[in-house]
Amino acid sequence: MRYHAVLFDLDGTLLDTLDDLASAANQVLVDRGWPPHPVDAYRHFVGDGLRSLVERMLPAGRRDAETVAAAVTAFQETYVRTWHRQSAPYPGIDDLLDRLSAGGVRMSVLSNKPDAFTRLCVERLLPRWHFEPLLGQREGVPKKPDPAAALEIARLLQLDPSRILYVGDSGVDMRTAHAAGMDAVGVLWGFRDRDELVRTGAKHLAARPEDLLPLVFSS
């Protein structure tokens, strides 16, 4: 195998969580008398962590520290109740993970979603597969695209970063992979578009989950 492990982003890569994220965020806005956003707007709001999501969704002029902090708390309280209503693995992900597991490929997850939510989503929606490490955003650890957490995963796996294939759906993921010395695959079924992935340095593009298999298992 060319790669001994695959490091996945979560939202927009393994799981389609956009509708539930948008629903929780829009509920926070509506509760405060502010206009909601179209679901597609959240494709560009998410990806840089919870605080960035909240800052982007709030009306201009309402992004002071106190309002942002209150909206973060409100989002967390709403999302923890509603995150699972529509979220699910993308078509083809189940088969991809089965085939990687059968082939002895180790799998990890790294997300800018808060760590508790990351673990909750994986444990509930991807329970058949083992991801180690499974990491979301944690206090004291820089969020992606800083490579610190990706390099932490490489150390825990005891693998050179060049032996890990990084799979994600955004420019944040592509930049993280490059900074960590990992080859980057941009998936075309996720939240962002081909142009962003190419512009930020995707080495490969995958239109379907099965497109990853020849990359992993080639000699």
N, C-alpha and C. Protein backbone atom coordinates (compact mmCIF):
# COMPACT_ATOMS: atom_id res chain seq x y z
N MET A 1 0.84 -1.20 0.00
CA MET A 1 0.00 0.00 0.00
C MET A 1 0.87 1.25 0.00
N ARG A 2 0.43 2.25 -0.73
CA ARG A 2 1.15 3.52 -0.73
C ARG A 2 0.97 4.24 0.59
N TYR A 3 -0.24 4.13 1.17
CA TYR A 3 -0.56 4.78 2.43
C TYR A 3 -0.99 3.73 3.45
N HIS A 4 -0.60 3.95 4.70
CA HIS A 4 -0.96 3.02 5.76
C HIS A 4 -2.12 3.52 6.62
N ALA A 5 -2.52 4.76 6.41
CA ALA A 5 -3.64 5.32 7.16
C ALA A 5 -4.32 6.38 6.32
N VAL A 6 -5.59 6.57 6.58
CA VAL A 6 -6.35 7.66 5.96
C VAL A 6 -6.90 8.54 7.08
N LEU A 7 -6.64 9.82 6.96
CA LEU A 7 -7.12 10.80 7.93
C LEU A 7 -8.28 11.56 7.29
N PHE A 8 -9.46 11.42 7.86
CA PHE A 8 -10.65 12.03 7.30
C PHE A 8 -11.04 13.29 8.07
N ASP A 9 -11.45 14.30 7.33
CA ASP A 9 -12.30 15.35 7.89
C ASP A 9 -13.67 14.73 8.15
N LEU A 10 -14.53 15.41 8.90
CA LEU A 10 -15.83 14.83 9.24
C LEU A 10 -16.97 15.46 8.45
N ASP A 11 -17.33 16.70 8.79
CA ASP A 11 -18.47 17.36 8.13
C ASP A 11 -18.12 17.65 6.67
N GLY A 12 -18.96 17.21 5.76
CA GLY A 12 -18.72 17.44 4.35
C GLY A 12 -17.82 16.41 3.71
N THR A 13 -17.29 15.49 4.50
CA THR A 13 -16.40 14.45 3.98
C THR A 13 -16.97 13.06 4.25
N LEU A 14 -17.11 12.71 5.51
CA LEU A 14 -17.76 11.45 5.88
C LEU A 14 -19.25 11.63 6.07
N LEU A 15 -19.64 12.74 6.69
CA LEU A 15 -21.04 12.95 7.06
C LEU A 15 -21.60 14.20 6.39
N ASP A 16 -22.83 14.07 5.90
CA ASP A 16 -23.58 15.23 5.41
C ASP A 16 -24.36 15.80 6.59
N THR A 17 -23.83 16.83 7.18
CA THR A 17 -24.41 17.44 8.38
C THR A 17 -24.95 18.84 8.12
N LEU A 18 -24.95 19.26 6.87
CA LEU A 18 -25.23 20.66 6.55
C LEU A 18 -26.61 21.10 7.02
N ASP A 19 -27.64 20.29 6.76
CA ASP A 19 -29.00 20.71 7.10
C ASP A 19 -29.17 20.89 8.61
N ASP A 20 -28.60 19.98 9.39
CA ASP A 20 -28.74 20.11 10.85
C ASP A 20 -27.94 21.28 11.39
N LEU A 21 -26.76 21.52 10.83
CA LEU A 21 -25.98 22.69 11.24
C LEU A 21 -26.73 23.98 10.93
N ALA A 22 -27.25 24.05 9.70
CA ALA A 22 -27.99 25.26 9.29
C ALA A 22 -29.24 25.45 10.12
N SER A 23 -29.95 24.37 10.40
CA SER A 23 -31.18 24.46 11.18
C SER A 23 -30.91 25.01 12.58
N ALA A 24 -29.89 24.48 13.25
CA ALA A 24 -29.56 24.95 14.60
C ALA A 24 -29.12 26.41 14.57
N ALA A 25 -28.29 26.75 13.60
CA ALA A 25 -27.81 28.13 13.51
C ALA A 25 -28.96 29.10 13.22
N ASN A 26 -29.82 28.73 12.30
CA ASN A 26 -30.94 29.61 11.97
C ASN A 26 -31.92 29.75 13.13
N GLN A 27 -32.05 28.71 13.94
CA GLN A 27 -32.91 28.81 15.11
C GLN A 27 -32.38 29.85 16.09
N VAL A 28 -31.07 29.89 16.24
CA VAL A 28 -30.46 30.90 17.11
C VAL A 28 -30.77 32.30 16.59
N LEU A 29 -30.67 32.47 15.29
CA LEU A 29 -30.94 33.78 14.70
C LEU A 29 -32.41 34.18 14.86
N VAL A 30 -33.30 33.27 14.51
CA VAL A 30 -34.74 33.55 14.57
C VAL A 30 -35.16 33.87 16.00
N ASP A 31 -34.61 33.15 16.97
CA ASP A 31 -34.96 33.40 18.37
C ASP A 31 -34.61 34.81 18.81
N ARG A 32 -33.65 35.41 18.12
CA ARG A 32 -33.22 36.77 18.48
C ARG A 32 -33.81 37.82 17.54
N GLY A 33 -34.70 37.39 16.65
CA GLY A 33 -35.33 38.34 15.75
C GLY A 33 -34.50 38.72 14.55
N TRP A 34 -33.49 37.92 14.22
CA TRP A 34 -32.62 38.20 13.10
C TRP A 34 -32.94 37.26 11.95
N PRO A 35 -32.71 37.67 10.71
CA PRO A 35 -33.09 36.83 9.56
C PRO A 35 -32.20 35.59 9.44
N PRO A 36 -32.80 34.47 9.08
CA PRO A 36 -32.00 33.27 8.86
C PRO A 36 -31.32 33.31 7.49
N HIS A 37 -30.40 32.38 7.28
CA HIS A 37 -29.69 32.27 6.00
C HIS A 37 -30.17 31.04 5.23
N PRO A 38 -30.07 31.06 3.90
CA PRO A 38 -30.31 29.83 3.14
C PRO A 38 -29.34 28.73 3.57
N VAL A 39 -29.78 27.50 3.46
CA VAL A 39 -28.92 26.38 3.87
C VAL A 39 -27.58 26.43 3.14
N ASP A 40 -27.59 26.72 1.85
CA ASP A 40 -26.35 26.72 1.08
C ASP A 40 -25.33 27.73 1.59
N ALA A 41 -25.80 28.79 2.24
CA ALA A 41 -24.85 29.78 2.78
C ALA A 41 -23.94 29.14 3.80
N TYR A 42 -24.43 28.14 4.48
CA TYR A 42 -23.64 27.50 5.54
C TYR A 42 -22.50 26.66 4.99
N ARG A 43 -22.52 26.37 3.70
CA ARG A 43 -21.37 25.69 3.09
C ARG A 43 -20.09 26.49 3.28
N HIS A 44 -20.23 27.80 3.33
CA HIS A 44 -19.06 28.67 3.47
C HIS A 44 -18.93 29.23 4.88
N PHE A 45 -19.93 29.03 5.71
CA PHE A 45 -19.83 29.48 7.10
C PHE A 45 -19.09 28.46 7.97
N VAL A 46 -19.25 27.17 7.66
CA VAL A 46 -18.67 26.12 8.48
C VAL A 46 -17.25 25.79 8.01
N GLY A 47 -16.51 25.08 8.86
CA GLY A 47 -15.20 24.59 8.48
C GLY A 47 -14.05 25.15 9.28
N ASP A 48 -14.26 26.31 9.92
CA ASP A 48 -13.18 26.94 10.67
C ASP A 48 -13.43 26.96 12.17
N GLY A 49 -14.31 26.08 12.62
CA GLY A 49 -14.61 26.02 14.04
C GLY A 49 -15.90 26.74 14.38
N LEU A 50 -16.41 26.45 15.58
CA LEU A 50 -17.72 26.95 15.99
C LEU A 50 -17.77 28.47 16.10
N ARG A 51 -16.77 29.07 16.68
CA ARG A 51 -16.80 30.52 16.85
C ARG A 51 -16.85 31.22 15.49
N SER A 52 -16.07 30.72 14.52
CA SER A 52 -16.09 31.33 13.19
C SER A 52 -17.45 31.17 12.53
N LEU A 53 -18.07 30.01 12.70
CA LEU A 53 -19.42 29.81 12.17
C LEU A 53 -20.37 30.86 12.73
N VAL A 54 -20.33 31.05 14.03
CA VAL A 54 -21.25 32.00 14.67
C VAL A 54 -20.97 33.42 14.20
N GLU A 55 -19.71 33.80 14.13
CA GLU A 55 -19.38 35.15 13.67
C GLU A 55 -19.89 35.40 12.26
N ARG A 56 -19.79 34.40 11.40
CA ARG A 56 -20.22 34.56 10.01
C ARG A 56 -21.74 34.62 9.88
N MET A 57 -22.45 33.90 10.74
CA MET A 57 -23.90 33.85 10.58
C MET A 57 -24.59 35.07 11.20
N LEU A 58 -23.94 35.73 12.16
CA LEU A 58 -24.56 36.87 12.84
C LEU A 58 -24.66 38.07 11.90
N PRO A 59 -25.66 38.91 12.10
CA PRO A 59 -25.77 40.12 11.27
C PRO A 59 -24.57 41.03 11.47
N ALA A 60 -24.21 41.74 10.42
CA ALA A 60 -23.14 42.74 10.54
C ALA A 60 -23.53 43.73 11.63
N GLY A 61 -22.55 44.08 12.43
CA GLY A 61 -22.82 44.99 13.54
C GLY A 61 -23.26 44.29 14.80
N ARG A 62 -23.45 42.98 14.74
CA ARG A 62 -23.83 42.21 15.92
C ARG A 62 -22.78 41.14 16.24
N ARG A 63 -21.54 41.42 15.94
CA ARG A 63 -20.48 40.44 16.10
C ARG A 63 -19.50 40.82 17.22
N ASP A 64 -19.98 41.58 18.18
CA ASP A 64 -19.16 41.91 19.34
C ASP A 64 -18.96 40.65 20.18
N ALA A 65 -17.96 40.68 21.03
CA ALA A 65 -17.56 39.49 21.78
C ALA A 65 -18.69 38.94 22.63
N GLU A 66 -19.46 39.80 23.26
CA GLU A 66 -20.54 39.34 24.14
C GLU A 66 -21.64 38.64 23.34
N THR A 67 -22.02 39.22 22.21
CA THR A 67 -23.07 38.60 21.39
C THR A 67 -22.60 37.29 20.80
N VAL A 68 -21.36 37.24 20.34
CA VAL A 68 -20.81 36.01 19.79
C VAL A 68 -20.80 34.91 20.85
N ALA A 69 -20.34 35.22 22.05
CA ALA A 69 -20.27 34.22 23.11
C ALA A 69 -21.66 33.69 23.45
N ALA A 70 -22.65 34.57 23.53
CA ALA A 70 -24.01 34.13 23.83
C ALA A 70 -24.57 33.26 22.71
N ALA A 71 -24.27 33.62 21.47
CA ALA A 71 -24.77 32.84 20.33
C ALA A 71 -24.08 31.48 20.24
N VAL A 72 -22.81 31.43 20.60
CA VAL A 72 -22.10 30.13 20.65
C VAL A 72 -22.79 29.20 21.64
N THR A 73 -23.08 29.71 22.82
CA THR A 73 -23.75 28.89 23.83
C THR A 73 -25.13 28.45 23.35
N ALA A 74 -25.88 29.38 22.75
CA ALA A 74 -27.22 29.04 22.27
C ALA A 74 -27.15 27.99 21.16
N PHE A 75 -26.17 28.13 20.27
CA PHE A 75 -26.02 27.13 19.21
C PHE A 75 -25.73 25.75 19.80
N GLN A 76 -24.81 25.70 20.74
CA GLN A 76 -24.46 24.41 21.36
C GLN A 76 -25.69 23.77 22.01
N GLU A 77 -26.48 24.57 22.70
CA GLU A 77 -27.66 24.03 23.38
C GLU A 77 -28.69 23.52 22.38
N THR A 78 -28.82 24.20 21.25
CA THR A 78 -29.77 23.77 20.22
C THR A 78 -29.24 22.56 19.46
N TYR A 79 -27.99 22.63 19.05
CA TYR A 79 -27.42 21.58 18.20
C TYR A 79 -27.34 20.24 18.93
N VAL A 80 -27.06 20.25 20.20
CA VAL A 80 -26.95 18.98 20.92
C VAL A 80 -28.28 18.24 20.95
N ARG A 81 -29.39 18.97 20.79
CA ARG A 81 -30.72 18.35 20.75
C ARG A 81 -31.14 17.93 19.35
N THR A 82 -30.56 18.57 18.34
CA THR A 82 -31.12 18.41 16.98
C THR A 82 -30.13 17.91 15.94
N TRP A 83 -28.87 17.66 16.31
CA TRP A 83 -27.82 17.38 15.34
C TRP A 83 -28.08 16.15 14.49
N HIS A 84 -28.89 15.22 14.98
CA HIS A 84 -29.05 13.91 14.34
C HIS A 84 -30.30 13.81 13.46
N ARG A 85 -31.04 14.89 13.29
CA ARG A 85 -32.33 14.79 12.60
C ARG A 85 -32.17 14.41 11.13
N GLN A 86 -31.20 14.99 10.44
CA GLN A 86 -31.01 14.70 9.02
C GLN A 86 -29.59 14.25 8.69
N SER A 87 -28.68 14.39 9.60
CA SER A 87 -27.28 14.05 9.33
C SER A 87 -27.11 12.55 9.11
N ALA A 88 -26.25 12.22 8.15
CA ALA A 88 -26.02 10.81 7.79
C ALA A 88 -24.74 10.71 6.98
N PRO A 89 -24.16 9.51 6.90
CA PRO A 89 -23.02 9.33 6.00
C PRO A 89 -23.43 9.59 4.55
N TYR A 90 -22.51 10.12 3.78
CA TYR A 90 -22.76 10.28 2.36
C TYR A 90 -22.89 8.91 1.68
N PRO A 91 -23.63 8.83 0.59
CA PRO A 91 -23.71 7.57 -0.15
C PRO A 91 -22.32 7.06 -0.54
N GLY A 92 -22.09 5.79 -0.30
CA GLY A 92 -20.81 5.18 -0.65
C GLY A 92 -19.80 5.17 0.47
N ILE A 93 -20.03 5.93 1.53
CA ILE A 93 -19.06 5.98 2.63
C ILE A 93 -19.00 4.64 3.36
N ASP A 94 -20.15 4.02 3.59
CA ASP A 94 -20.15 2.74 4.28
C ASP A 94 -19.26 1.73 3.57
N ASP A 95 -19.42 1.60 2.26
CA ASP A 95 -18.62 0.63 1.50
C ASP A 95 -17.15 1.00 1.51
N LEU A 96 -16.85 2.29 1.40
CA LEU A 96 -15.45 2.73 1.45
C LEU A 96 -14.81 2.32 2.76
N LEU A 97 -15.47 2.60 3.87
CA LEU A 97 -14.89 2.28 5.18
C LEU A 97 -14.76 0.77 5.37
N ASP A 98 -15.72 0.02 4.88
CA ASP A 98 -15.62 -1.44 4.94
C ASP A 98 -14.38 -1.93 4.20
N ARG A 99 -14.15 -1.39 3.02
CA ARG A 99 -13.04 -1.87 2.20
C ARG A 99 -11.69 -1.42 2.74
N LEU A 100 -11.64 -0.23 3.29
CA LEU A 100 -10.40 0.20 3.93
C LEU A 100 -10.09 -0.66 5.15
N SER A 101 -11.12 -0.92 5.95
CA SER A 101 -10.92 -1.76 7.14
C SER A 101 -10.47 -3.16 6.75
N ALA A 102 -11.11 -3.73 5.74
CA ALA A 102 -10.76 -5.09 5.31
C ALA A 102 -9.34 -5.15 4.76
N GLY A 103 -8.88 -4.02 4.22
CA GLY A 103 -7.53 -3.98 3.67
C GLY A 103 -6.47 -3.62 4.69
N GLY A 104 -6.85 -3.49 5.94
CA GLY A 104 -5.87 -3.22 6.99
C GLY A 104 -5.41 -1.78 7.06
N VAL A 105 -6.19 -0.88 6.48
CA VAL A 105 -5.84 0.54 6.51
C VAL A 105 -6.37 1.16 7.81
N ARG A 106 -5.52 1.85 8.51
CA ARG A 106 -5.94 2.53 9.73
C ARG A 106 -6.65 3.82 9.36
N MET A 107 -7.65 4.19 10.17
CA MET A 107 -8.48 5.35 9.86
C MET A 107 -8.56 6.27 11.07
N SER A 108 -8.46 7.57 10.79
CA SER A 108 -8.55 8.59 11.83
C SER A 108 -9.50 9.68 11.37
N VAL A 109 -9.97 10.48 12.33
CA VAL A 109 -10.81 11.63 12.04
C VAL A 109 -10.24 12.86 12.74
N LEU A 110 -10.20 13.97 12.00
CA LEU A 110 -9.79 15.25 12.57
C LEU A 110 -10.77 16.31 12.10
N SER A 111 -11.45 16.96 13.03
CA SER A 111 -12.47 17.94 12.70
C SER A 111 -12.26 19.22 13.48
N ASN A 112 -12.71 20.34 12.90
CA ASN A 112 -12.77 21.60 13.64
C ASN A 112 -14.07 21.73 14.43
N LYS A 113 -14.95 20.75 14.32
CA LYS A 113 -16.13 20.70 15.18
C LYS A 113 -15.65 20.44 16.61
N PRO A 114 -16.28 21.02 17.62
CA PRO A 114 -15.85 20.74 18.99
C PRO A 114 -15.72 19.24 19.26
N ASP A 115 -14.75 18.89 20.07
CA ASP A 115 -14.38 17.49 20.26
C ASP A 115 -15.57 16.63 20.71
N ALA A 116 -16.37 17.13 21.63
CA ALA A 116 -17.49 16.33 22.13
C ALA A 116 -18.50 16.05 21.02
N PHE A 117 -18.78 17.05 20.19
CA PHE A 117 -19.71 16.86 19.07
C PHE A 117 -19.11 15.91 18.03
N THR A 118 -17.81 16.04 17.79
CA THR A 118 -17.15 15.15 16.84
C THR A 118 -17.32 13.70 17.26
N ARG A 119 -17.05 13.43 18.54
CA ARG A 119 -17.16 12.06 19.03
C ARG A 119 -18.60 11.57 19.01
N LEU A 120 -19.53 12.44 19.36
CA LEU A 120 -20.93 12.07 19.35
C LEU A 120 -21.39 11.69 17.95
N CYS A 121 -21.05 12.49 16.97
CA CYS A 121 -21.45 12.21 15.59
C CYS A 121 -20.88 10.89 15.09
N VAL A 122 -19.61 10.67 15.35
CA VAL A 122 -18.97 9.44 14.87
C VAL A 122 -19.54 8.22 15.59
N GLU A 123 -19.69 8.31 16.89
CA GLU A 123 -20.18 7.16 17.65
C GLU A 123 -21.60 6.78 17.27
N ARG A 124 -22.43 7.76 16.93
CA ARG A 124 -23.83 7.49 16.59
C ARG A 124 -24.02 7.14 15.12
N LEU A 125 -23.30 7.82 14.23
CA LEU A 125 -23.55 7.69 12.80
C LEU A 125 -22.56 6.79 12.07
N LEU A 126 -21.43 6.51 12.69
CA LEU A 126 -20.42 5.62 12.09
C LEU A 126 -19.97 4.58 13.11
N PRO A 127 -20.91 3.86 13.71
CA PRO A 127 -20.56 3.00 14.84
C PRO A 127 -19.83 1.72 14.47
N ARG A 128 -19.86 1.32 13.21
CA ARG A 128 -19.29 0.03 12.81
C ARG A 128 -17.78 0.07 12.63
N TRP A 129 -17.20 1.26 12.59
CA TRP A 129 -15.80 1.37 12.22
C TRP A 129 -14.98 2.00 13.35
N HIS A 130 -13.72 1.62 13.36
CA HIS A 130 -12.81 2.09 14.40
C HIS A 130 -11.96 3.23 13.85
N PHE A 131 -12.05 4.38 14.49
CA PHE A 131 -11.22 5.53 14.13
C PHE A 131 -10.33 5.85 15.33
N GLU A 132 -9.05 5.84 15.08
CA GLU A 132 -8.10 6.08 16.16
C GLU A 132 -6.86 6.76 15.59
N PRO A 133 -6.62 7.98 16.03
CA PRO A 133 -7.39 8.80 16.96
C PRO A 133 -8.63 9.41 16.30
N LEU A 134 -9.52 9.86 17.15
CA LEU A 134 -10.74 10.56 16.77
C LEU A 134 -10.71 11.89 17.50
N LEU A 135 -10.43 12.97 16.78
CA LEU A 135 -10.17 14.25 17.43
C LEU A 135 -11.01 15.37 16.82
N GLY A 136 -11.65 16.16 17.68
CA GLY A 136 -12.27 17.41 17.28
C GLY A 136 -11.46 18.56 17.84
N GLN A 137 -12.03 19.75 17.75
CA GLN A 137 -11.32 20.92 18.26
C GLN A 137 -11.28 20.86 19.78
N ARG A 138 -10.07 21.04 20.33
CA ARG A 138 -9.85 20.95 21.78
C ARG A 138 -9.16 22.20 22.29
N GLU A 139 -9.43 22.51 23.54
CA GLU A 139 -8.78 23.65 24.18
C GLU A 139 -7.26 23.44 24.16
N GLY A 140 -6.54 24.49 23.81
CA GLY A 140 -5.09 24.44 23.84
C GLY A 140 -4.46 23.86 22.59
N VAL A 141 -5.27 23.39 21.65
CA VAL A 141 -4.73 22.83 20.40
C VAL A 141 -5.23 23.71 19.25
N PRO A 142 -4.33 24.26 18.44
CA PRO A 142 -4.77 25.13 17.35
C PRO A 142 -5.69 24.36 16.39
N LYS A 143 -6.69 25.04 15.88
CA LYS A 143 -7.60 24.41 14.92
C LYS A 143 -6.95 24.36 13.54
N LYS A 144 -7.47 23.50 12.69
CA LYS A 144 -7.03 23.48 11.30
C LYS A 144 -7.25 24.86 10.67
N PRO A 145 -6.37 25.32 9.79
CA PRO A 145 -5.33 24.59 9.07
C PRO A 145 -3.97 24.49 9.77
N ASP A 146 -3.86 24.91 11.01
CA ASP A 146 -2.62 24.62 11.74
C ASP A 146 -2.42 23.11 11.74
N PRO A 147 -1.21 22.63 11.47
CA PRO A 147 -0.99 21.19 11.35
C PRO A 147 -0.79 20.46 12.66
N ALA A 148 -0.87 21.15 13.79
CA ALA A 148 -0.49 20.53 15.07
C ALA A 148 -1.27 19.24 15.33
N ALA A 149 -2.60 19.26 15.17
CA ALA A 149 -3.39 18.07 15.47
C ALA A 149 -3.16 16.96 14.46
N ALA A 150 -2.97 17.32 13.19
CA ALA A 150 -2.66 16.30 12.18
C ALA A 150 -1.33 15.63 12.48
N LEU A 151 -0.35 16.41 12.89
CA LEU A 151 0.95 15.82 13.25
C LEU A 151 0.86 15.01 14.54
N GLU A 152 -0.01 15.42 15.45
CA GLU A 152 -0.26 14.61 16.65
C GLU A 152 -0.80 13.24 16.27
N ILE A 153 -1.71 13.21 15.31
CA ILE A 153 -2.26 11.94 14.84
C ILE A 153 -1.16 11.08 14.24
N ALA A 154 -0.28 11.67 13.43
CA ALA A 154 0.82 10.91 12.85
C ALA A 154 1.70 10.30 13.93
N ARG A 155 1.97 11.08 14.99
CA ARG A 155 2.80 10.54 16.08
C ARG A 155 2.08 9.40 16.80
N LEU A 156 0.80 9.56 17.05
CA LEU A 156 0.05 8.50 17.74
C LEU A 156 -0.03 7.23 16.91
N LEU A 157 -0.11 7.38 15.60
CA LEU A 157 -0.13 6.22 14.71
C LEU A 157 1.28 5.66 14.47
N GLN A 158 2.28 6.41 14.89
CA GLN A 158 3.68 6.04 14.66
C GLN A 158 3.96 5.87 13.17
N LEU A 159 3.48 6.84 12.40
CA LEU A 159 3.67 6.84 10.96
C LEU A 159 4.27 8.16 10.51
N ASP A 160 5.12 8.09 9.51
CA ASP A 160 5.57 9.31 8.86
C ASP A 160 4.37 9.96 8.19
N PRO A 161 4.23 11.28 8.27
CA PRO A 161 3.07 11.93 7.65
C PRO A 161 2.89 11.59 6.17
N SER A 162 3.96 11.31 5.48
CA SER A 162 3.87 11.00 4.05
C SER A 162 3.15 9.68 3.80
N ARG A 163 2.97 8.87 4.84
CA ARG A 163 2.27 7.59 4.70
C ARG A 163 0.80 7.70 5.07
N ILE A 164 0.35 8.93 5.31
CA ILE A 164 -1.06 9.17 5.67
C ILE A 164 -1.72 9.98 4.57
N LEU A 165 -2.83 9.51 4.06
CA LEU A 165 -3.60 10.23 3.05
C LEU A 165 -4.65 11.07 3.76
N TYR A 166 -4.63 12.35 3.50
CA TYR A 166 -5.57 13.29 4.14
C TYR A 166 -6.74 13.54 3.19
N VAL A 167 -7.96 13.31 3.67
CA VAL A 167 -9.16 13.43 2.84
C VAL A 167 -10.09 14.47 3.44
N GLY A 168 -10.41 15.51 2.67
CA GLY A 168 -11.30 16.56 3.17
C GLY A 168 -12.03 17.25 2.04
N ASP A 169 -12.90 18.18 2.41
CA ASP A 169 -13.77 18.82 1.41
C ASP A 169 -13.55 20.31 1.28
N SER A 170 -12.54 20.86 1.94
CA SER A 170 -12.40 22.32 1.94
C SER A 170 -10.94 22.74 1.81
N GLY A 171 -10.77 24.03 1.52
CA GLY A 171 -9.43 24.58 1.48
C GLY A 171 -8.72 24.48 2.81
N VAL A 172 -9.47 24.57 3.90
CA VAL A 172 -8.87 24.38 5.22
C VAL A 172 -8.19 23.02 5.31
N ASP A 173 -8.85 21.99 4.79
CA ASP A 173 -8.28 20.65 4.83
C ASP A 173 -7.06 20.53 3.94
N MET A 174 -7.14 21.11 2.75
CA MET A 174 -5.99 21.02 1.83
C MET A 174 -4.77 21.72 2.43
N ARG A 175 -4.98 22.87 3.05
CA ARG A 175 -3.86 23.58 3.66
C ARG A 175 -3.31 22.83 4.88
N THR A 176 -4.20 22.20 5.63
CA THR A 176 -3.74 21.40 6.77
C THR A 176 -2.86 20.26 6.31
N ALA A 177 -3.30 19.57 5.27
CA ALA A 177 -2.53 18.45 4.75
C ALA A 177 -1.14 18.90 4.31
N HIS A 178 -1.08 19.97 3.55
CA HIS A 178 0.22 20.45 3.06
C HIS A 178 1.13 20.83 4.22
N ALA A 179 0.57 21.52 5.20
CA ALA A 179 1.38 21.95 6.34
C ALA A 179 1.91 20.78 7.14
N ALA A 180 1.16 19.67 7.13
CA ALA A 180 1.57 18.48 7.89
C ALA A 180 2.43 17.52 7.07
N GLY A 181 2.62 17.79 5.80
CA GLY A 181 3.40 16.89 4.95
C GLY A 181 2.64 15.66 4.50
N MET A 182 1.31 15.79 4.40
CA MET A 182 0.46 14.69 3.95
C MET A 182 -0.10 15.00 2.57
N ASP A 183 -0.30 13.97 1.76
CA ASP A 183 -0.95 14.15 0.47
C ASP A 183 -2.43 14.44 0.69
N ALA A 184 -2.96 15.40 -0.08
CA ALA A 184 -4.33 15.87 0.13
C ALA A 184 -5.25 15.41 -0.99
N VAL A 185 -6.40 14.87 -0.60
CA VAL A 185 -7.46 14.53 -1.53
C VAL A 185 -8.65 15.43 -1.24
N GLY A 186 -9.13 16.13 -2.25
CA GLY A 186 -10.33 16.93 -2.11
C GLY A 186 -11.54 16.18 -2.63
N VAL A 187 -12.56 16.06 -1.81
CA VAL A 187 -13.77 15.34 -2.23
C VAL A 187 -14.78 16.31 -2.82
N LEU A 188 -15.41 15.89 -3.90
CA LEU A 188 -16.31 16.77 -4.64
C LEU A 188 -17.76 16.66 -4.21
N TRP A 189 -18.04 15.78 -3.26
CA TRP A 189 -19.42 15.64 -2.78
C TRP A 189 -19.69 16.49 -1.54
N GLY A 190 -18.72 17.25 -1.07
CA GLY A 190 -18.85 17.93 0.21
C GLY A 190 -19.37 19.35 0.11
N PHE A 191 -18.97 20.18 1.06
CA PHE A 191 -19.53 21.52 1.21
C PHE A 191 -18.94 22.53 0.23
N ARG A 192 -17.69 22.36 -0.17
CA ARG A 192 -17.01 23.35 -1.00
C ARG A 192 -16.87 22.83 -2.44
N ASP A 193 -16.38 23.68 -3.33
CA ASP A 193 -16.36 23.31 -4.74
C ASP A 193 -14.96 22.95 -5.23
N ARG A 194 -14.94 22.45 -6.48
CA ARG A 194 -13.69 22.01 -7.10
C ARG A 194 -12.66 23.14 -7.14
N ASP A 195 -13.09 24.34 -7.50
CA ASP A 195 -12.14 25.45 -7.65
C ASP A 195 -11.40 25.71 -6.34
N GLU A 196 -12.11 25.70 -5.23
CA GLU A 196 -11.45 25.94 -3.94
C GLU A 196 -10.43 24.84 -3.64
N LEU A 197 -10.80 23.61 -3.91
CA LEU A 197 -9.91 22.49 -3.62
C LEU A 197 -8.65 22.54 -4.48
N VAL A 198 -8.82 22.85 -5.76
CA VAL A 198 -7.67 22.94 -6.66
C VAL A 198 -6.79 24.13 -6.27
N ARG A 199 -7.42 25.24 -5.99
CA ARG A 199 -6.69 26.46 -5.66
C ARG A 199 -5.84 26.30 -4.39
N THR A 200 -6.32 25.50 -3.46
CA THR A 200 -5.62 25.34 -2.18
C THR A 200 -4.72 24.10 -2.16
N GLY A 201 -4.56 23.46 -3.31
CA GLY A 201 -3.50 22.46 -3.43
C GLY A 201 -3.87 21.01 -3.33
N ALA A 202 -5.11 20.64 -3.65
CA ALA A 202 -5.46 19.22 -3.65
C ALA A 202 -4.55 18.47 -4.63
N LYS A 203 -3.93 17.41 -4.16
CA LYS A 203 -3.12 16.57 -5.05
C LYS A 203 -4.01 15.69 -5.91
N HIS A 204 -5.13 15.24 -5.33
CA HIS A 204 -6.10 14.42 -6.05
C HIS A 204 -7.49 14.97 -5.77
N LEU A 205 -8.42 14.69 -6.67
CA LEU A 205 -9.83 14.97 -6.47
C LEU A 205 -10.60 13.66 -6.55
N ALA A 206 -11.61 13.51 -5.71
CA ALA A 206 -12.43 12.30 -5.69
C ALA A 206 -13.88 12.70 -5.90
N ALA A 207 -14.48 12.18 -6.97
CA ALA A 207 -15.89 12.47 -7.25
C ALA A 207 -16.81 11.56 -6.46
N ARG A 208 -16.32 10.37 -6.11
CA ARG A 208 -17.11 9.37 -5.36
C ARG A 208 -16.21 8.75 -4.31
N PRO A 209 -16.76 8.25 -3.22
CA PRO A 209 -15.91 7.63 -2.20
C PRO A 209 -15.02 6.51 -2.74
N GLU A 210 -15.52 5.71 -3.67
CA GLU A 210 -14.71 4.60 -4.17
C GLU A 210 -13.48 5.07 -4.94
N ASP A 211 -13.46 6.34 -5.36
CA ASP A 211 -12.28 6.85 -6.05
C ASP A 211 -11.06 6.91 -5.15
N LEU A 212 -11.26 6.83 -3.84
CA LEU A 212 -10.12 6.85 -2.91
C LEU A 212 -9.37 5.52 -2.89
N LEU A 213 -10.05 4.44 -3.22
CA LEU A 213 -9.44 3.12 -3.07
C LEU A 213 -8.19 2.92 -3.93
N PRO A 214 -8.19 3.29 -5.22
CA PRO A 214 -6.97 3.12 -5.98
C PRO A 214 -5.80 3.96 -5.47
N LEU A 215 -6.11 5.10 -4.86
CA LEU A 215 -5.06 5.93 -4.30
C LEU A 215 -4.39 5.24 -3.12
N VAL A 216 -5.20 4.62 -2.27
CA VAL A 216 -4.68 3.99 -1.06
C VAL A 216 -3.94 2.71 -1.39
N PHE A 217 -4.49 1.91 -2.26
CA PHE A 217 -3.96 0.57 -2.48
C PHE A 217 -3.00 0.47 -3.64
N SER A 218 -2.68 1.60 -4.31
CA SER A 218 -1.68 1.53 -5.38
C SER A 218 -0.31 1.34 -4.76
N SER A 219 0.57 0.74 -5.51
CA SER A 219 1.92 0.47 -5.01
C SER A 219 2.83 1.66 -5.22
